[in-house]
Amino acid sequence: MPIKLPDNNLSQSPIETTAGSRIESARQQIGLSAPQLARLVGVKTKTLENWENDRSGPRGDKLTKLAGVLQVPLIWLLTGETPEGHKRAQILPETARVADKLERAIAMQQELAALLFEVSADVSRLQQQLDDEQDRAA
């Protein structure tokens, strides 16, 4: 059954909420941890925490990416107001599971990259040994 993104902040005036509280509320509603959302948006977890605590705010492409990942209108993130006629996005409860799978895939990719680097170094070392043996034999 689909769940609704946070409507609680939509009923409050924009002055009563902050961009940071809207980001945090939407993140929690779709079941993402701060590190998961940070990874999906392409920022460090500390950066996302600064946004959620209103110590700084997202700019440009990161703001747009946040709205997309959180499935909320960009104007809502900025002002707390929902555009006329906008229907709140419905998402499946599987979102958190998909985010977990994505996080595991990213970790696997990083492990694979490290392994490929090691293999490359081993191949280079072996090639050097072969070259050295051929030079001695000649």
C-alpha atoms as a PDB file:
ATOM      1  CA  MET A   1       0.000   0.000   0.000  1.00  0.00           C
ATOM      2  CA  PRO A   2       1.445   3.406  -0.954  1.00  0.00           C
ATOM      3  CA  ILE A   3       2.354   5.871   1.756  1.00  0.00           C
ATOM      4  CA  LYS A   4       2.036   9.623   1.590  1.00  0.00           C
ATOM      5  CA  LEU A   5       4.971  11.931   2.002  1.00  0.00           C
ATOM      6  CA  PRO A   6       4.801  14.266   4.997  1.00  0.00           C
ATOM      7  CA  ASP A   7       1.620  16.283   5.012  1.00  0.00           C
ATOM      8  CA  ASN A   8       2.125  17.494   8.572  1.00  0.00           C
ATOM      9  CA  ASN A   9       4.436  20.307   7.477  1.00  0.00           C
ATOM     10  CA  LEU A  10       2.141  21.236   4.610  1.00  0.00           C
ATOM     11  CA  SER A  11      -0.589  22.202   7.034  1.00  0.00           C
ATOM     12  CA  GLN A  12       1.708  24.562   8.900  1.00  0.00           C
ATOM     13  CA  SER A  13       2.615  27.968   7.614  1.00  0.00           C
ATOM     14  CA  PRO A  14       6.032  28.167   5.933  1.00  0.00           C
ATOM     15  CA  ILE A  15       7.233  30.421   8.751  1.00  0.00           C
ATOM     16  CA  GLU A  16       6.587  27.637  11.289  1.00  0.00           C
ATOM     17  CA  THR A  17       8.848  25.168   9.461  1.00  0.00           C
ATOM     18  CA  THR A  18      12.315  25.362   8.029  1.00  0.00           C
ATOM     19  CA  ALA A  19      13.773  23.872   4.865  1.00  0.00           C
ATOM     20  CA  GLY A  20      15.861  21.613   7.071  1.00  0.00           C
ATOM     21  CA  SER A  21      12.854  20.273   8.951  1.00  0.00           C
ATOM     22  CA  ARG A  22      11.047  19.650   5.647  1.00  0.00           C
ATOM     23  CA  ILE A  23      14.045  17.719   4.269  1.00  0.00           C
ATOM     24  CA  GLU A  24      14.318  15.628   7.436  1.00  0.00           C
ATOM     25  CA  SER A  25      10.579  14.979   7.606  1.00  0.00           C
ATOM     26  CA  ALA A  26      10.378  13.867   3.954  1.00  0.00           C
ATOM     27  CA  ARG A  27      13.472  11.674   4.368  1.00  0.00           C
ATOM     28  CA  GLN A  28      12.042   9.958   7.431  1.00  0.00           C
ATOM     29  CA  GLN A  29       8.648   9.500   5.807  1.00  0.00           C
ATOM     30  CA  ILE A  30      10.125   7.534   2.900  1.00  0.00           C
ATOM     31  CA  GLY A  31      12.284   5.481   5.242  1.00  0.00           C
ATOM     32  CA  LEU A  32      15.762   6.634   4.251  1.00  0.00           C
ATOM     33  CA  SER A  33      18.596   7.153   6.680  1.00  0.00           C
ATOM     34  CA  ALA A  34      20.672  10.329   6.431  1.00  0.00           C
ATOM     35  CA  PRO A  35      23.638   8.408   4.934  1.00  0.00           C
ATOM     36  CA  GLN A  36      21.358   6.763   2.343  1.00  0.00           C
ATOM     37  CA  LEU A  37      19.843  10.073   1.235  1.00  0.00           C
ATOM     38  CA  ALA A  38      23.246  11.750   1.200  1.00  0.00           C
ATOM     39  CA  ARG A  39      24.601   9.018  -1.074  1.00  0.00           C
ATOM     40  CA  LEU A  40      21.589   9.245  -3.426  1.00  0.00           C
ATOM     41  CA  VAL A  41      21.948  13.023  -3.676  1.00  0.00           C
ATOM     42  CA  GLY A  42      25.734  12.865  -4.015  1.00  0.00           C
ATOM     43  CA  VAL A  43      26.844  14.679  -0.874  1.00  0.00           C
ATOM     44  CA  LYS A  44      28.542  13.769   2.391  1.00  0.00           C
ATOM     45  CA  THR A  45      26.352  12.776   5.323  1.00  0.00           C
ATOM     46  CA  LYS A  46      27.679  15.772   7.275  1.00  0.00           C
ATOM     47  CA  THR A  47      26.483  18.084   4.489  1.00  0.00           C
ATOM     48  CA  LEU A  48      22.990  16.583   4.639  1.00  0.00           C
ATOM     49  CA  GLU A  49      22.990  16.897   8.432  1.00  0.00           C
ATOM     50  CA  ASN A  50      23.929  20.573   8.072  1.00  0.00           C
ATOM     51  CA  TRP A  51      20.986  21.044   5.696  1.00  0.00           C
ATOM     52  CA  GLU A  52      18.574  19.282   8.063  1.00  0.00           C
ATOM     53  CA  ASN A  53      19.812  21.374  11.000  1.00  0.00           C
ATOM     54  CA  ASP A  54      19.572  24.605   8.969  1.00  0.00           C
ATOM     55  CA  ARG A  55      23.285  25.354   9.320  1.00  0.00           C
ATOM     56  CA  SER A  56      23.485  25.545   5.537  1.00  0.00           C
ATOM     57  CA  GLY A  57      21.227  24.793   2.614  1.00  0.00           C
ATOM     58  CA  PRO A  58      21.349  22.891  -0.648  1.00  0.00           C
ATOM     59  CA  ARG A  59      21.995  24.856  -3.786  1.00  0.00           C
ATOM     60  CA  GLY A  60      21.076  24.444  -7.436  1.00  0.00           C
ATOM     61  CA  ASP A  61      21.406  20.914  -8.729  1.00  0.00           C
ATOM     62  CA  LYS A  62      21.495  19.373  -5.239  1.00  0.00           C
ATOM     63  CA  LEU A  63      18.198  21.039  -4.342  1.00  0.00           C
ATOM     64  CA  THR A  64      16.617  19.709  -7.523  1.00  0.00           C
ATOM     65  CA  LYS A  65      18.044  16.244  -6.890  1.00  0.00           C
ATOM     66  CA  LEU A  66      16.739  16.323  -3.300  1.00  0.00           C
ATOM     67  CA  ALA A  67      13.229  17.151  -4.491  1.00  0.00           C
ATOM     68  CA  GLY A  68      13.383  14.282  -6.979  1.00  0.00           C
ATOM     69  CA  VAL A  69      14.703  11.692  -4.540  1.00  0.00           C
ATOM     70  CA  LEU A  70      12.263  12.788  -1.825  1.00  0.00           C
ATOM     71  CA  GLN A  71       9.436  13.012  -4.393  1.00  0.00           C
ATOM     72  CA  VAL A  72       8.301  16.428  -3.220  1.00  0.00           C
ATOM     73  CA  PRO A  73       7.776  19.664  -5.148  1.00  0.00           C
ATOM     74  CA  LEU A  74      10.849  21.886  -5.294  1.00  0.00           C
ATOM     75  CA  ILE A  75       8.789  24.873  -4.179  1.00  0.00           C
ATOM     76  CA  TRP A  76       7.720  22.915  -1.069  1.00  0.00           C
ATOM     77  CA  LEU A  77      11.349  22.327  -0.103  1.00  0.00           C
ATOM     78  CA  LEU A  78      12.104  26.027  -0.543  1.00  0.00           C
ATOM     79  CA  THR A  79       9.012  27.628   0.982  1.00  0.00           C
ATOM     80  CA  GLY A  80       6.851  24.959   2.575  1.00  0.00           C
ATOM     81  CA  GLU A  81       4.008  25.796   0.204  1.00  0.00           C
ATOM     82  CA  THR A  82       2.454  23.268  -2.133  1.00  0.00           C
ATOM     83  CA  PRO A  83       1.633  24.496  -5.646  1.00  0.00           C
ATOM     84  CA  GLU A  84      -2.081  24.763  -6.460  1.00  0.00           C
ATOM     85  CA  GLY A  85      -3.446  21.547  -7.840  1.00  0.00           C
ATOM     86  CA  HIS A  86      -0.320  19.552  -6.966  1.00  0.00           C
ATOM     87  CA  LYS A  87      -1.063  16.032  -5.816  1.00  0.00           C
ATOM     88  CA  ARG A  88       1.337  14.699  -3.239  1.00  0.00           C
ATOM     89  CA  ALA A  89       3.485  11.918  -4.644  1.00  0.00           C
ATOM     90  CA  GLN A  90       2.596   8.422  -3.596  1.00  0.00           C
ATOM     91  CA  ILE A  91       5.473   6.006  -3.164  1.00  0.00           C
ATOM     92  CA  LEU A  92       5.662   2.331  -2.492  1.00  0.00           C
ATOM     93  CA  PRO A  93       6.846   1.097   0.886  1.00  0.00           C
ATOM     94  CA  GLU A  94       9.615  -0.767  -0.940  1.00  0.00           C
ATOM     95  CA  THR A  95      11.558   2.508  -1.309  1.00  0.00           C
ATOM     96  CA  ALA A  96      13.704   1.838   1.758  1.00  0.00           C
ATOM     97  CA  ARG A  97      14.500  -1.687   0.559  1.00  0.00           C
ATOM     98  CA  VAL A  98      15.496  -0.359  -2.852  1.00  0.00           C
ATOM     99  CA  ALA A  99      17.717   2.245  -1.184  1.00  0.00           C
ATOM    100  CA  ASP A 100      19.362  -0.521   0.870  1.00  0.00           C
ATOM    101  CA  LYS A 101      20.018  -2.544  -2.283  1.00  0.00           C
ATOM    102  CA  LEU A 102      21.466   0.530  -3.971  1.00  0.00           C
ATOM    103  CA  GLU A 103      23.711   1.161  -0.983  1.00  0.00           C
ATOM    104  CA  ARG A 104      24.935  -2.468  -1.097  1.00  0.00           C
ATOM    105  CA  ALA A 105      25.557  -2.201  -4.847  1.00  0.00           C
ATOM    106  CA  ILE A 106      27.630   0.950  -4.342  1.00  0.00           C
ATOM    107  CA  ALA A 107      29.674  -0.796  -1.637  1.00  0.00           C
ATOM    108  CA  MET A 108      30.208  -3.786  -3.925  1.00  0.00           C
ATOM    109  CA  GLN A 109      31.323  -1.477  -6.737  1.00  0.00           C
ATOM    110  CA  GLN A 110      33.846   0.158  -4.426  1.00  0.00           C
ATOM    111  CA  GLU A 111      35.174  -3.251  -3.333  1.00  0.00           C
ATOM    112  CA  LEU A 112      35.406  -4.354  -6.969  1.00  0.00           C
ATOM    113  CA  ALA A 113      37.328  -1.208  -7.891  1.00  0.00           C
ATOM    114  CA  ALA A 114      39.821  -1.874  -5.088  1.00  0.00           C
ATOM    115  CA  LEU A 115      40.203  -5.508  -6.170  1.00  0.00           C
ATOM    116  CA  LEU A 116      40.766  -4.490  -9.795  1.00  0.00           C
ATOM    117  CA  PHE A 117      43.449  -2.055  -8.668  1.00  0.00           C
ATOM    118  CA  GLU A 118      45.202  -4.867  -6.770  1.00  0.00           C
ATOM    119  CA  VAL A 119      44.983  -7.190  -9.783  1.00  0.00           C
ATOM    120  CA  SER A 120      46.401  -4.481 -12.017  1.00  0.00           C
ATOM    121  CA  ALA A 121      49.322  -3.983  -9.636  1.00  0.00           C
ATOM    122  CA  ASP A 122      49.938  -7.762  -9.544  1.00  0.00           C
ATOM    123  CA  VAL A 123      49.895  -7.994 -13.349  1.00  0.00           C
ATOM    124  CA  SER A 124      52.344  -5.096 -13.617  1.00  0.00           C
ATOM    125  CA  ARG A 125      54.650  -6.742 -11.070  1.00  0.00           C
ATOM    126  CA  LEU A 126      54.523 -10.080 -12.900  1.00  0.00           C
ATOM    127  CA  GLN A 127      55.169  -8.402 -16.247  1.00  0.00           C
ATOM    128  CA  GLN A 128      58.194  -6.661 -14.768  1.00  0.00           C
ATOM    129  CA  GLN A 129      59.505  -9.993 -13.448  1.00  0.00           C
ATOM    130  CA  LEU A 130      59.093 -11.583 -16.902  1.00  0.00           C
ATOM    131  CA  ASP A 131      60.862  -8.675 -18.552  1.00  0.00           C
ATOM    132  CA  ASP A 132      63.714  -8.928 -16.039  1.00  0.00           C
ATOM    133  CA  GLU A 133      64.076 -12.697 -16.659  1.00  0.00           C
ATOM    134  CA  GLN A 134      64.091 -12.194 -20.415  1.00  0.00           C
ATOM    135  CA  ASP A 135      66.786  -9.517 -20.094  1.00  0.00           C
ATOM    136  CA  ARG A 136      68.965 -11.865 -18.015  1.00  0.00           C
ATOM    137  CA  ALA A 137      68.477 -14.703 -20.482  1.00  0.00           C
ATOM    138  CA  ALA A 138      69.491 -12.547 -23.441  1.00  0.00           C
END
